[in-house]
Structure formats: C-alpha cells, structure tokens
Amino acid sequence: MLDRLYVELADGDLGLVKLAEVHREALRAACAADADIWPIYSSSFGPGHFDKSFDTLIGSGGRMPYAIVDGDTLVGMTAYLRPDWSAQTVEIGNSYVHPDARGTGLNGRVKRLVIDHAFAAGIRRIEFRIDERNKRSQAAVAKLGCVKEGVLRSERITWTGYCRDTGLWSLLADEWTNRS
C-alpha cells in the first residue's frame, strides 16, 4: 500500500515530486527565505541546520517527503508521515512554503492534492500535529475542515530545546467527501 500512497502528484503547473538529493540546493534556498520561521518547527531547515534536517527527512523510513514545484520553481516541501495501514491513518506534515507563495492559494492546492490522494489510496483518517504557537498553520487546516481534537501537552522537544505543546487536528474521509 505504501507504493500506492507515495506517488508523484500534479494539478496543472503544481507538482509534488518525491524529495531527493537533486532538490537539496533549491530547497535550501527556499527555506533560507524565511529564517525567522524555524523556531516554531520541530526541526530547522534554516541556515546552519539545513543539511542535517534534509538528510534526516529523505533518509527516514517513516516519512514520504515531497518537493513542491510551481512551474519550474521549487517553492517548498510537505510529507506524509507515519502511515499506519492497519488503522488506515497518516499524518501530513513537514510542510513549508516559500514566503512569496504564501497567500496565493498554493498551500490549499497542495493540501487538497495530498488529502484527495490519501483518501483515494485507502486512508480513512489524516492527522496534522501543529505547534500551538503556529497560528498560520492552524488557520490553514481549520479552513480545510479539519477538527482540533485537543492539545498534546509537552509532546516534544524542538531543535531549540523548547518543550512544545502540539495541537492534534484530524480530517476523516467522510468529512472530506461531504465537504468537497
């Protein structure tokens, strides 16, 4: 089933391609465009931390990362995380979009692509785990129709040493089908 979930996706000029070594420098440049954002992420893809985080992302068996390509330009990343086929669940995370692409509707298109595909591949529940300080991401998933189930208190320690409270959001297949 993993092969069915982790495939390249497209919507017109928007493409989600499997993140690989060939994307390293373009993603480094995209992530460096907003160095101030990384303290609200679990790991930093900012200058000084990028290579370690990139290596972990593409080398981890529990992550299925994508490069987000708009036309010919790499503008960010997103990933399916921790798929559990017995429970038919997956998390969507490791998402970042270049500041120039924010507010353009691109993130909504990306999320619709990965959500539509996950449900079509047999997933019944999608989770988003968001730092409670990250109001932009919380607003974006609420706009998609996700439900905040609660807060996982002191759920993880981030790369800065901050003990993070994580909002747990979910979207069920039948909620998405009835909404779209």
C-alpha atoms as a PDB file:
ATOM      1  CA  MET A   1       0.000   0.000   0.000  1.00  0.00           C
ATOM      2  CA  LEU A   2       2.955   2.325   0.560  1.00  0.00           C
ATOM      3  CA  ASP A   3       3.605   2.330  -3.185  1.00  0.00           C
ATOM      4  CA  ARG A   4       0.007   3.360  -3.735  1.00  0.00           C
ATOM      5  CA  LEU A   5       0.268   6.322  -1.335  1.00  0.00           C
ATOM      6  CA  TYR A   6       3.711   7.707  -2.139  1.00  0.00           C
ATOM      7  CA  VAL A   7       3.393   8.701  -5.782  1.00  0.00           C
ATOM      8  CA  GLU A   8       4.056  11.942  -7.592  1.00  0.00           C
ATOM      9  CA  LEU A   9       1.017  14.233  -7.794  1.00  0.00           C
ATOM     10  CA  ALA A  10       0.105  17.164 -10.039  1.00  0.00           C
ATOM     11  CA  ASP A  11      -2.544  19.823 -10.538  1.00  0.00           C
ATOM     12  CA  GLY A  12      -1.768  21.901 -13.620  1.00  0.00           C
ATOM     13  CA  ASP A  13       1.548  23.681 -13.060  1.00  0.00           C
ATOM     14  CA  LEU A  14       1.712  22.472  -9.440  1.00  0.00           C
ATOM     15  CA  GLY A  15       3.689  19.302  -8.880  1.00  0.00           C
ATOM     16  CA  LEU A  16       4.554  17.226  -5.846  1.00  0.00           C
ATOM     17  CA  VAL A  17       7.626  15.171  -6.658  1.00  0.00           C
ATOM     18  CA  LYS A  18       9.404  12.757  -4.375  1.00  0.00           C
ATOM     19  CA  LEU A  19      12.000  14.780  -2.493  1.00  0.00           C
ATOM     20  CA  ALA A  20      15.503  13.606  -3.362  1.00  0.00           C
ATOM     21  CA  GLU A  21      19.127  14.709  -3.292  1.00  0.00           C
ATOM     22  CA  VAL A  22      18.647  16.566  -6.580  1.00  0.00           C
ATOM     23  CA  HIS A  23      16.348  19.028  -4.727  1.00  0.00           C
ATOM     24  CA  ARG A  24      18.798  19.846  -1.909  1.00  0.00           C
ATOM     25  CA  GLU A  25      20.087  23.227  -3.128  1.00  0.00           C
ATOM     26  CA  ALA A  26      16.759  24.553  -4.407  1.00  0.00           C
ATOM     27  CA  LEU A  27      15.046  23.614  -1.135  1.00  0.00           C
ATOM     28  CA  ARG A  28      17.935  25.108   0.858  1.00  0.00           C
ATOM     29  CA  ALA A  29      17.377  28.427  -0.957  1.00  0.00           C
ATOM     30  CA  ALA A  30      13.588  28.284  -0.448  1.00  0.00           C
ATOM     31  CA  CYS A  31      13.950  27.530   3.266  1.00  0.00           C
ATOM     32  CA  ALA A  32      16.550  30.279   3.764  1.00  0.00           C
ATOM     33  CA  ALA A  33      13.996  32.842   2.527  1.00  0.00           C
ATOM     34  CA  ASP A  34      12.284  32.804   5.942  1.00  0.00           C
ATOM     35  CA  ALA A  35      14.928  32.048   8.556  1.00  0.00           C
ATOM     36  CA  ASP A  36      12.704  33.525  11.298  1.00  0.00           C
ATOM     37  CA  ILE A  37      10.017  30.825  10.924  1.00  0.00           C
ATOM     38  CA  TRP A  38      12.079  27.830  12.048  1.00  0.00           C
ATOM     39  CA  PRO A  39      11.761  28.268  15.857  1.00  0.00           C
ATOM     40  CA  ILE A  40       8.100  27.120  15.613  1.00  0.00           C
ATOM     41  CA  TYR A  41       9.081  23.957  13.727  1.00  0.00           C
ATOM     42  CA  SER A  42      10.241  20.720  15.362  1.00  0.00           C
ATOM     43  CA  SER A  43      13.414  20.778  13.290  1.00  0.00           C
ATOM     44  CA  SER A  44      15.127  23.617  11.485  1.00  0.00           C
ATOM     45  CA  PHE A  45      15.701  23.749   7.757  1.00  0.00           C
ATOM     46  CA  GLY A  46      17.218  27.184   8.150  1.00  0.00           C
ATOM     47  CA  PRO A  47      20.852  28.115   7.523  1.00  0.00           C
ATOM     48  CA  GLY A  48      23.204  26.146   9.729  1.00  0.00           C
ATOM     49  CA  HIS A  49      20.755  23.260  10.234  1.00  0.00           C
ATOM     50  CA  PHE A  50      19.562  22.512   6.736  1.00  0.00           C
ATOM     51  CA  ASP A  51      21.815  19.618   5.732  1.00  0.00           C
ATOM     52  CA  LYS A  52      21.191  17.554   8.878  1.00  0.00           C
ATOM     53  CA  SER A  53      17.415  18.081   8.656  1.00  0.00           C
ATOM     54  CA  PHE A  54      17.337  17.353   4.920  1.00  0.00           C
ATOM     55  CA  ASP A  55      19.349  14.142   5.368  1.00  0.00           C
ATOM     56  CA  THR A  56      17.008  13.004   8.133  1.00  0.00           C
ATOM     57  CA  LEU A  57      13.913  13.800   6.079  1.00  0.00           C
ATOM     58  CA  ILE A  58      14.955  11.888   2.975  1.00  0.00           C
ATOM     59  CA  GLY A  59      16.578   9.067   4.945  1.00  0.00           C
ATOM     60  CA  SER A  60      13.750   8.236   7.334  1.00  0.00           C
ATOM     61  CA  GLY A  61      11.579   5.225   6.570  1.00  0.00           C
ATOM     62  CA  GLY A  62       8.533   6.732   8.297  1.00  0.00           C
ATOM     63  CA  ARG A  63       8.448   9.820   6.092  1.00  0.00           C
ATOM     64  CA  MET A  64       7.403  10.241   2.490  1.00  0.00           C
ATOM     65  CA  PRO A  65       8.587  13.759   1.594  1.00  0.00           C
ATOM     66  CA  TYR A  66       7.686  15.802  -1.462  1.00  0.00           C
ATOM     67  CA  ALA A  67       9.255  18.824  -3.109  1.00  0.00           C
ATOM     68  CA  ILE A  68       6.552  21.338  -4.035  1.00  0.00           C
ATOM     69  CA  VAL A  69       7.210  22.633  -7.537  1.00  0.00           C
ATOM     70  CA  ASP A  70       5.276  25.542  -9.029  1.00  0.00           C
ATOM     71  CA  GLY A  71       6.043  25.586 -12.736  1.00  0.00           C
ATOM     72  CA  ASP A  72       9.819  25.196 -12.838  1.00  0.00           C
ATOM     73  CA  THR A  73      10.439  26.574  -9.327  1.00  0.00           C
ATOM     74  CA  LEU A  74      10.784  24.570  -6.137  1.00  0.00           C
ATOM     75  CA  VAL A  75       8.759  26.537  -3.575  1.00  0.00           C
ATOM     76  CA  GLY A  76       8.613  24.226  -0.571  1.00  0.00           C
ATOM     77  CA  MET A  77       8.060  20.787   0.866  1.00  0.00           C
ATOM     78  CA  THR A  78       5.452  18.605   2.516  1.00  0.00           C
ATOM     79  CA  ALA A  79       5.291  14.960   3.558  1.00  0.00           C
ATOM     80  CA  TYR A  80       3.161  12.019   4.507  1.00  0.00           C
ATOM     81  CA  LEU A  81       4.334  10.865   7.937  1.00  0.00           C
ATOM     82  CA  ARG A  82       3.882   7.697   9.966  1.00  0.00           C
ATOM     83  CA  PRO A  83       1.441   5.809   7.743  1.00  0.00           C
ATOM     84  CA  ASP A  84      -0.405   3.103   9.645  1.00  0.00           C
ATOM     85  CA  TRP A  85      -2.145   0.813   7.177  1.00  0.00           C
ATOM     86  CA  SER A  86      -3.804  -1.314   9.854  1.00  0.00           C
ATOM     87  CA  ALA A  87      -5.518   1.818  11.203  1.00  0.00           C
ATOM     88  CA  GLN A  88      -5.765   3.462   7.755  1.00  0.00           C
ATOM     89  CA  THR A  89      -4.210   6.687   9.075  1.00  0.00           C
ATOM     90  CA  VAL A  90      -1.437   9.040   8.020  1.00  0.00           C
ATOM     91  CA  GLU A  91      -0.136  12.389   9.193  1.00  0.00           C
ATOM     92  CA  ILE A  92       0.623  15.276   6.846  1.00  0.00           C
ATOM     93  CA  GLY A  93       3.477  17.480   7.994  1.00  0.00           C
ATOM     94  CA  ASN A  94       6.972  18.781   7.384  1.00  0.00           C
ATOM     95  CA  SER A  95       5.216  21.451   5.346  1.00  0.00           C
ATOM     96  CA  TYR A  96       6.891  24.692   4.375  1.00  0.00           C
ATOM     97  CA  VAL A  97       6.068  27.145   1.589  1.00  0.00           C
ATOM     98  CA  HIS A  98       8.343  29.976   0.405  1.00  0.00           C
ATOM     99  CA  PRO A  99       7.095  33.382   1.656  1.00  0.00           C
ATOM    100  CA  ASP A 100       6.456  34.582  -1.920  1.00  0.00           C
ATOM    101  CA  ALA A 101       3.992  31.706  -2.445  1.00  0.00           C
ATOM    102  CA  ARG A 102       2.053  32.275   0.788  1.00  0.00           C
ATOM    103  CA  GLY A 103      -1.363  33.826   0.435  1.00  0.00           C
ATOM    104  CA  THR A 104      -1.610  32.763  -3.209  1.00  0.00           C
ATOM    105  CA  GLY A 105      -3.779  29.683  -2.650  1.00  0.00           C
ATOM    106  CA  LEU A 106      -0.850  27.374  -3.411  1.00  0.00           C
ATOM    107  CA  ASN A 107      -0.828  25.768   0.058  1.00  0.00           C
ATOM    108  CA  GLY A 108      -4.535  24.976  -0.223  1.00  0.00           C
ATOM    109  CA  ARG A 109      -3.938  23.345  -3.611  1.00  0.00           C
ATOM    110  CA  VAL A 110      -1.062  21.293  -2.158  1.00  0.00           C
ATOM    111  CA  LYS A 111      -3.148  20.147   0.787  1.00  0.00           C
ATOM    112  CA  ARG A 112      -6.093  19.230  -1.451  1.00  0.00           C
ATOM    113  CA  LEU A 113      -3.773  17.153  -3.640  1.00  0.00           C
ATOM    114  CA  VAL A 114      -2.287  15.161  -0.764  1.00  0.00           C
ATOM    115  CA  ILE A 115      -5.614  14.797   1.045  1.00  0.00           C
ATOM    116  CA  ASP A 116      -7.550  13.717  -2.069  1.00  0.00           C
ATOM    117  CA  HIS A 117      -4.840  11.221  -2.919  1.00  0.00           C
ATOM    118  CA  ALA A 118      -4.530   9.794   0.602  1.00  0.00           C
ATOM    119  CA  PHE A 119      -8.250   9.142   0.820  1.00  0.00           C
ATOM    120  CA  ALA A 120      -8.306   7.661  -2.692  1.00  0.00           C
ATOM    121  CA  ALA A 121      -5.435   5.343  -1.654  1.00  0.00           C
ATOM    122  CA  GLY A 122      -7.452   3.910   1.253  1.00  0.00           C
ATOM    123  CA  ILE A 123      -6.615   6.220   4.156  1.00  0.00           C
ATOM    124  CA  ARG A 124      -9.640   6.998   6.338  1.00  0.00           C
ATOM    125  CA  ARG A 125      -8.094   9.468   8.836  1.00  0.00           C
ATOM    126  CA  ILE A 126      -5.498  12.196   8.302  1.00  0.00           C
ATOM    127  CA  GLU A 127      -3.772  13.912  11.192  1.00  0.00           C
ATOM    128  CA  PHE A 128      -1.967  17.222  11.464  1.00  0.00           C
ATOM    129  CA  ARG A 129       0.231  17.873  14.517  1.00  0.00           C
ATOM    130  CA  ILE A 130       0.866  21.600  14.853  1.00  0.00           C
ATOM    131  CA  ASP A 131       2.870  23.634  17.342  1.00  0.00           C
ATOM    132  CA  GLU A 132       0.376  25.640  19.391  1.00  0.00           C
ATOM    133  CA  ARG A 133       2.375  28.790  18.562  1.00  0.00           C
ATOM    134  CA  ASN A 134       1.888  28.250  14.820  1.00  0.00           C
ATOM    135  CA  LYS A 135      -1.361  30.146  14.258  1.00  0.00           C
ATOM    136  CA  ARG A 136      -0.895  30.312  10.455  1.00  0.00           C
ATOM    137  CA  SER A 137      -0.854  26.514  10.095  1.00  0.00           C
ATOM    138  CA  GLN A 138      -3.763  26.088  12.496  1.00  0.00           C
ATOM    139  CA  ALA A 139      -5.852  28.534  10.469  1.00  0.00           C
ATOM    140  CA  ALA A 140      -4.925  26.737   7.237  1.00  0.00           C
ATOM    141  CA  VAL A 141      -6.040  23.288   8.448  1.00  0.00           C
ATOM    142  CA  ALA A 142      -9.213  24.712  10.012  1.00  0.00           C
ATOM    143  CA  LYS A 143     -10.020  26.235   6.604  1.00  0.00           C
ATOM    144  CA  LEU A 144      -9.723  22.732   5.106  1.00  0.00           C
ATOM    145  CA  GLY A 145     -12.375  21.469   7.534  1.00  0.00           C
ATOM    146  CA  CYS A 146     -10.049  19.740   9.991  1.00  0.00           C
ATOM    147  CA  VAL A 147     -11.199  19.333  13.592  1.00  0.00           C
ATOM    148  CA  LYS A 148      -8.973  20.185  16.530  1.00  0.00           C
ATOM    149  CA  GLU A 149      -9.180  17.198  18.853  1.00  0.00           C
ATOM    150  CA  GLY A 150      -7.059  18.624  21.634  1.00  0.00           C
ATOM    151  CA  VAL A 151      -3.584  19.551  22.751  1.00  0.00           C
ATOM    152  CA  LEU A 152      -0.806  17.086  23.475  1.00  0.00           C
ATOM    153  CA  ARG A 153       0.912  18.883  26.335  1.00  0.00           C
ATOM    154  CA  SER A 154       4.720  18.967  26.284  1.00  0.00           C
ATOM    155  CA  GLU A 155       4.546  16.492  23.389  1.00  0.00           C
ATOM    156  CA  ARG A 156       8.048  17.055  22.021  1.00  0.00           C
ATOM    157  CA  ILE A 157      11.233  18.991  22.468  1.00  0.00           C
ATOM    158  CA  THR A 158      12.094  21.032  19.400  1.00  0.00           C
ATOM    159  CA  TRP A 159      15.514  21.701  17.908  1.00  0.00           C
ATOM    160  CA  THR A 160      15.728  24.881  20.029  1.00  0.00           C
ATOM    161  CA  GLY A 161      15.154  22.952  23.265  1.00  0.00           C
ATOM    162  CA  TYR A 162      11.603  24.315  23.586  1.00  0.00           C
ATOM    163  CA  CYS A 163       9.126  21.884  25.160  1.00  0.00           C
ATOM    164  CA  ARG A 164       6.292  22.101  22.662  1.00  0.00           C
ATOM    165  CA  ASP A 165       2.559  21.761  23.149  1.00  0.00           C
ATOM    166  CA  THR A 166       1.140  20.194  19.987  1.00  0.00           C
ATOM    167  CA  GLY A 167      -2.374  20.700  18.670  1.00  0.00           C
ATOM    168  CA  LEU A 168      -3.805  17.474  17.240  1.00  0.00           C
ATOM    169  CA  TRP A 169      -6.068  18.067  14.239  1.00  0.00           C
ATOM    170  CA  SER A 170      -7.796  15.448  12.112  1.00  0.00           C
ATOM    171  CA  LEU A 171      -9.845  15.013   8.983  1.00  0.00           C
ATOM    172  CA  LEU A 172     -11.906  11.914   8.223  1.00  0.00           C
ATOM    173  CA  ALA A 173     -12.578  10.600   4.743  1.00  0.00           C
ATOM    174  CA  ASP A 174     -16.351  11.008   5.004  1.00  0.00           C
ATOM    175  CA  GLU A 175     -15.962  14.612   6.237  1.00  0.00           C
ATOM    176  CA  TRP A 176     -13.808  15.415   3.210  1.00  0.00           C
ATOM    177  CA  THR A 177     -16.142  13.687   0.765  1.00  0.00           C
ATOM    178  CA  ASN A 178     -19.131  15.567   2.175  1.00  0.00           C
ATOM    179  CA  ARG A 179     -17.248  18.886   2.067  1.00  0.00           C
ATOM    180  CA  SER A 180     -15.663  18.758  -1.371  1.00  0.00           C
END
